[in-house]
Amino acid sequence: MKIKRLILLITSILTIATVCPATAPHETEQPVRWRMSVRMESADRGTVTLRALIEPGWHLYGTKLPADGPQPTVFDFKESYGITFTSQLEENRAATESVDQMFGSKLCWWDSNVSFTRTFKVNAPDDAGINVKISFMGCDNTTCLPPRTNTFSYKITQKAKE
């Protein structure tokens, strides 16, 4: 009799363990994904582009938000080297501004793909690179995923002279 109960208990635990991850909402979902590209306009000038790919029904919060709201989107270029940025970060379109029901305050966000660009000048052609950390939060109308940070690196290489 005890063996049957033990088998039933083990079977129940295994069943629960395999079913629960499937029902936990949004744990592995990535409704906001990022891509980085670098385009050199000349040997010493270029543009870095960071593109947020936002799934339908989700949004990415803006870069300037009130302190008591969600985490804003933050771009940290401090670890870049051998370059000087010649512009501020610019988005390709304005964020939507409205009262967010979840946070009860006026916020801004993007609800579809958006790109951010920044120009730079290469100071050290033999040792230059762009490192950026993007901290952000993806939300839909009912929930927010925990804040995330994505890191991108790009080594700037000069083409061999012919």
C-alpha atoms as a PDB file:
ATOM      1  CA  MET A   1       0.000   0.000   0.000  1.00  0.00           C
ATOM      2  CA  LYS A   2       2.829   2.436   0.836  1.00  0.00           C
ATOM      3  CA  ILE A   3       4.533   1.713  -2.494  1.00  0.00           C
ATOM      4  CA  LYS A   4       1.353   2.596  -4.413  1.00  0.00           C
ATOM      5  CA  ARG A   5       1.085   5.916  -2.546  1.00  0.00           C
ATOM      6  CA  LEU A   6       4.750   6.660  -3.184  1.00  0.00           C
ATOM      7  CA  ILE A   7       4.327   5.933  -6.903  1.00  0.00           C
ATOM      8  CA  LEU A   8       1.200   8.119  -7.007  1.00  0.00           C
ATOM      9  CA  LEU A   9       3.039  10.944  -5.204  1.00  0.00           C
ATOM     10  CA  ILE A  10       6.040  10.776  -7.567  1.00  0.00           C
ATOM     11  CA  THR A  11       3.759  10.677 -10.621  1.00  0.00           C
ATOM     12  CA  SER A  12       1.809  13.696  -9.332  1.00  0.00           C
ATOM     13  CA  ILE A  13       4.993  15.694  -8.717  1.00  0.00           C
ATOM     14  CA  LEU A  14       6.341  14.889 -12.185  1.00  0.00           C
ATOM     15  CA  THR A  15       3.027  15.839 -13.796  1.00  0.00           C
ATOM     16  CA  ILE A  16       2.909  19.168 -11.979  1.00  0.00           C
ATOM     17  CA  ALA A  17       6.560  19.880 -12.813  1.00  0.00           C
ATOM     18  CA  THR A  18       5.963  19.364 -16.544  1.00  0.00           C
ATOM     19  CA  VAL A  19       2.659  21.287 -16.680  1.00  0.00           C
ATOM     20  CA  CYS A  20       3.595  24.368 -14.599  1.00  0.00           C
ATOM     21  CA  PRO A  21       6.258  25.814 -16.917  1.00  0.00           C
ATOM     22  CA  ALA A  22       3.745  25.786 -19.757  1.00  0.00           C
ATOM     23  CA  THR A  23       1.272  27.811 -17.721  1.00  0.00           C
ATOM     24  CA  ALA A  24       3.695  30.364 -16.273  1.00  0.00           C
ATOM     25  CA  PRO A  25       2.958  33.520 -18.305  1.00  0.00           C
ATOM     26  CA  HIS A  26       5.658  35.260 -20.299  1.00  0.00           C
ATOM     27  CA  GLU A  27       8.664  33.587 -18.637  1.00  0.00           C
ATOM     28  CA  THR A  28      10.536  32.889 -21.850  1.00  0.00           C
ATOM     29  CA  GLU A  29       8.700  35.321 -24.082  1.00  0.00           C
ATOM     30  CA  GLN A  30      10.783  38.048 -25.724  1.00  0.00           C
ATOM     31  CA  PRO A  31       8.262  40.510 -27.140  1.00  0.00           C
ATOM     32  CA  VAL A  32      10.996  43.144 -27.592  1.00  0.00           C
ATOM     33  CA  ARG A  33      14.161  42.061 -29.414  1.00  0.00           C
ATOM     34  CA  TRP A  34      17.108  44.237 -30.393  1.00  0.00           C
ATOM     35  CA  ARG A  35      19.442  44.401 -33.398  1.00  0.00           C
ATOM     36  CA  MET A  36      22.552  46.534 -33.825  1.00  0.00           C
ATOM     37  CA  SER A  37      24.253  47.567 -37.063  1.00  0.00           C
ATOM     38  CA  VAL A  38      27.150  49.884 -37.834  1.00  0.00           C
ATOM     39  CA  ARG A  39      27.628  51.671 -41.154  1.00  0.00           C
ATOM     40  CA  MET A  40      30.866  53.479 -41.966  1.00  0.00           C
ATOM     41  CA  GLU A  41      30.325  56.554 -44.173  1.00  0.00           C
ATOM     42  CA  SER A  42      34.092  57.092 -44.497  1.00  0.00           C
ATOM     43  CA  ALA A  43      37.280  55.703 -42.969  1.00  0.00           C
ATOM     44  CA  ASP A  44      36.753  57.723 -39.786  1.00  0.00           C
ATOM     45  CA  ARG A  45      33.006  58.453 -39.568  1.00  0.00           C
ATOM     46  CA  GLY A  46      30.065  56.152 -39.057  1.00  0.00           C
ATOM     47  CA  THR A  47      26.587  55.578 -37.670  1.00  0.00           C
ATOM     48  CA  VAL A  48      25.425  52.989 -35.178  1.00  0.00           C
ATOM     49  CA  THR A  49      21.765  51.912 -35.411  1.00  0.00           C
ATOM     50  CA  LEU A  50      19.893  50.063 -32.677  1.00  0.00           C
ATOM     51  CA  ARG A  51      16.543  48.650 -33.750  1.00  0.00           C
ATOM     52  CA  ALA A  52      13.826  47.456 -31.378  1.00  0.00           C
ATOM     53  CA  LEU A  53      11.609  44.753 -32.882  1.00  0.00           C
ATOM     54  CA  ILE A  54       8.336  44.900 -30.951  1.00  0.00           C
ATOM     55  CA  GLU A  55       5.733  42.142 -31.158  1.00  0.00           C
ATOM     56  CA  PRO A  56       2.105  43.182 -31.847  1.00  0.00           C
ATOM     57  CA  GLY A  57       0.225  43.987 -28.633  1.00  0.00           C
ATOM     58  CA  TRP A  58       3.418  44.890 -26.753  1.00  0.00           C
ATOM     59  CA  HIS A  59       5.209  48.189 -26.209  1.00  0.00           C
ATOM     60  CA  LEU A  60       8.608  49.541 -25.233  1.00  0.00           C
ATOM     61  CA  TYR A  61       8.650  52.458 -22.800  1.00  0.00           C
ATOM     62  CA  GLY A  62      10.284  55.758 -23.741  1.00  0.00           C
ATOM     63  CA  THR A  63      13.631  57.127 -22.636  1.00  0.00           C
ATOM     64  CA  LYS A  64      12.211  59.801 -20.302  1.00  0.00           C
ATOM     65  CA  LEU A  65       9.676  58.633 -17.719  1.00  0.00           C
ATOM     66  CA  PRO A  66       8.618  59.721 -14.231  1.00  0.00           C
ATOM     67  CA  ALA A  67      10.568  58.143 -11.345  1.00  0.00           C
ATOM     68  CA  ASP A  68       7.488  56.340  -9.989  1.00  0.00           C
ATOM     69  CA  GLY A  69       6.658  54.677 -13.321  1.00  0.00           C
ATOM     70  CA  PRO A  70       8.068  51.747 -15.272  1.00  0.00           C
ATOM     71  CA  GLN A  71      11.746  51.467 -16.174  1.00  0.00           C
ATOM     72  CA  PRO A  72      12.604  53.763 -19.079  1.00  0.00           C
ATOM     73  CA  THR A  73      14.632  52.542 -22.031  1.00  0.00           C
ATOM     74  CA  VAL A  74      18.274  53.452 -21.349  1.00  0.00           C
ATOM     75  CA  PHE A  75      21.224  53.288 -23.763  1.00  0.00           C
ATOM     76  CA  ASP A  76      24.671  53.171 -22.126  1.00  0.00           C
ATOM     77  CA  PHE A  77      27.617  53.736 -24.515  1.00  0.00           C
ATOM     78  CA  LYS A  78      30.240  54.355 -21.766  1.00  0.00           C
ATOM     79  CA  GLU A  79      32.267  51.239 -22.585  1.00  0.00           C
ATOM     80  CA  SER A  80      32.865  52.289 -26.217  1.00  0.00           C
ATOM     81  CA  TYR A  81      36.507  53.014 -27.040  1.00  0.00           C
ATOM     82  CA  GLY A  82      38.614  54.702 -29.709  1.00  0.00           C
ATOM     83  CA  ILE A  83      35.647  56.782 -30.899  1.00  0.00           C
ATOM     84  CA  THR A  84      33.875  60.025 -30.079  1.00  0.00           C
ATOM     85  CA  PHE A  85      30.129  60.279 -30.521  1.00  0.00           C
ATOM     86  CA  THR A  86      29.233  63.301 -32.652  1.00  0.00           C
ATOM     87  CA  SER A  87      25.479  63.276 -32.060  1.00  0.00           C
ATOM     88  CA  GLN A  88      22.957  62.442 -29.414  1.00  0.00           C
ATOM     89  CA  LEU A  89      20.842  59.305 -29.811  1.00  0.00           C
ATOM     90  CA  GLU A  90      17.957  59.998 -32.216  1.00  0.00           C
ATOM     91  CA  GLU A  91      14.831  57.897 -32.750  1.00  0.00           C
ATOM     92  CA  ASN A  92      13.332  57.488 -36.218  1.00  0.00           C
ATOM     93  CA  ARG A  93       9.856  58.356 -34.931  1.00  0.00           C
ATOM     94  CA  ALA A  94       8.284  59.941 -31.896  1.00  0.00           C
ATOM     95  CA  ALA A  95       6.901  57.814 -29.089  1.00  0.00           C
ATOM     96  CA  THR A  96       3.172  57.673 -28.391  1.00  0.00           C
ATOM     97  CA  GLU A  97       2.231  59.697 -25.311  1.00  0.00           C
ATOM     98  CA  SER A  98      -0.860  58.777 -23.307  1.00  0.00           C
ATOM     99  CA  VAL A  99      -2.138  57.855 -19.859  1.00  0.00           C
ATOM    100  CA  ASP A 100      -0.984  54.326 -19.062  1.00  0.00           C
ATOM    101  CA  GLN A 101      -3.754  52.496 -17.173  1.00  0.00           C
ATOM    102  CA  MET A 102      -1.343  50.094 -15.445  1.00  0.00           C
ATOM    103  CA  PHE A 103       0.770  52.873 -13.918  1.00  0.00           C
ATOM    104  CA  GLY A 104      -1.947  55.536 -13.752  1.00  0.00           C
ATOM    105  CA  SER A 105       0.200  58.295 -15.212  1.00  0.00           C
ATOM    106  CA  LYS A 106       1.052  59.938 -18.536  1.00  0.00           C
ATOM    107  CA  LEU A 107       3.838  57.920 -20.185  1.00  0.00           C
ATOM    108  CA  CYS A 108       5.382  57.511 -23.602  1.00  0.00           C
ATOM    109  CA  TRP A 109       6.123  54.317 -25.514  1.00  0.00           C
ATOM    110  CA  TRP A 110       6.572  52.698 -28.904  1.00  0.00           C
ATOM    111  CA  ASP A 111       4.109  49.957 -29.874  1.00  0.00           C
ATOM    112  CA  SER A 112       5.854  48.889 -33.090  1.00  0.00           C
ATOM    113  CA  ASN A 113       9.426  48.693 -34.391  1.00  0.00           C
ATOM    114  CA  VAL A 114      11.594  51.747 -33.770  1.00  0.00           C
ATOM    115  CA  SER A 115      15.218  52.581 -34.609  1.00  0.00           C
ATOM    116  CA  PHE A 116      17.735  54.716 -32.741  1.00  0.00           C
ATOM    117  CA  THR A 117      20.851  56.133 -34.416  1.00  0.00           C
ATOM    118  CA  ARG A 118      23.992  57.882 -33.263  1.00  0.00           C
ATOM    119  CA  THR A 119      26.926  59.150 -35.323  1.00  0.00           C
ATOM    120  CA  PHE A 120      30.570  58.815 -34.323  1.00  0.00           C
ATOM    121  CA  LYS A 121      34.127  59.672 -35.337  1.00  0.00           C
ATOM    122  CA  VAL A 122      36.948  57.137 -35.101  1.00  0.00           C
ATOM    123  CA  ASN A 123      39.897  58.479 -33.054  1.00  0.00           C
ATOM    124  CA  ALA A 124      41.986  55.294 -32.806  1.00  0.00           C
ATOM    125  CA  PRO A 125      41.696  53.328 -36.083  1.00  0.00           C
ATOM    126  CA  ASP A 126      43.726  50.398 -34.714  1.00  0.00           C
ATOM    127  CA  ASP A 127      41.636  49.994 -31.577  1.00  0.00           C
ATOM    128  CA  ALA A 128      38.059  51.243 -31.820  1.00  0.00           C
ATOM    129  CA  GLY A 129      34.769  49.668 -30.886  1.00  0.00           C
ATOM    130  CA  ILE A 130      31.217  50.325 -29.861  1.00  0.00           C
ATOM    131  CA  ASN A 131      29.812  48.735 -26.725  1.00  0.00           C
ATOM    132  CA  VAL A 132      26.260  49.492 -25.708  1.00  0.00           C
ATOM    133  CA  LYS A 133      24.003  48.233 -22.927  1.00  0.00           C
ATOM    134  CA  ILE A 134      20.274  48.673 -23.481  1.00  0.00           C
ATOM    135  CA  SER A 135      18.071  48.431 -20.387  1.00  0.00           C
ATOM    136  CA  PHE A 136      14.361  48.253 -21.146  1.00  0.00           C
ATOM    137  CA  MET A 137      10.953  46.908 -20.182  1.00  0.00           C
ATOM    138  CA  GLY A 138       8.371  45.239 -22.435  1.00  0.00           C
ATOM    139  CA  CYS A 139       4.698  45.456 -21.467  1.00  0.00           C
ATOM    140  CA  ASP A 140       1.298  44.664 -22.911  1.00  0.00           C
ATOM    141  CA  ASN A 141      -2.081  45.927 -21.667  1.00  0.00           C
ATOM    142  CA  THR A 142      -2.156  43.585 -18.662  1.00  0.00           C
ATOM    143  CA  THR A 143       1.400  42.812 -17.580  1.00  0.00           C
ATOM    144  CA  CYS A 144       5.035  43.818 -17.781  1.00  0.00           C
ATOM    145  CA  LEU A 145       8.021  41.564 -18.091  1.00  0.00           C
ATOM    146  CA  PRO A 146      10.867  42.166 -15.646  1.00  0.00           C
ATOM    147  CA  PRO A 147      13.372  44.766 -16.845  1.00  0.00           C
ATOM    148  CA  ARG A 148      16.105  43.343 -19.086  1.00  0.00           C
ATOM    149  CA  THR A 149      19.514  44.457 -20.270  1.00  0.00           C
ATOM    150  CA  ASN A 150      20.942  43.512 -23.665  1.00  0.00           C
ATOM    151  CA  THR A 151      24.605  44.113 -24.475  1.00  0.00           C
ATOM    152  CA  PHE A 152      26.053  44.604 -27.961  1.00  0.00           C
ATOM    153  CA  SER A 153      29.652  44.982 -29.129  1.00  0.00           C
ATOM    154  CA  TYR A 154      31.100  45.932 -32.492  1.00  0.00           C
ATOM    155  CA  LYS A 155      34.832  46.109 -33.296  1.00  0.00           C
ATOM    156  CA  ILE A 156      35.515  48.795 -35.895  1.00  0.00           C
ATOM    157  CA  THR A 157      38.023  47.513 -38.418  1.00  0.00           C
ATOM    158  CA  GLN A 158      39.695  49.481 -41.160  1.00  0.00           C
ATOM    159  CA  LYS A 159      39.880  47.934 -44.617  1.00  0.00           C
ATOM    160  CA  ALA A 160      43.376  47.207 -45.845  1.00  0.00           C
ATOM    161  CA  LYS A 161      44.717  49.910 -48.151  1.00  0.00           C
ATOM    162  CA  GLU A 162      45.241  48.774 -51.717  1.00  0.00           C
END
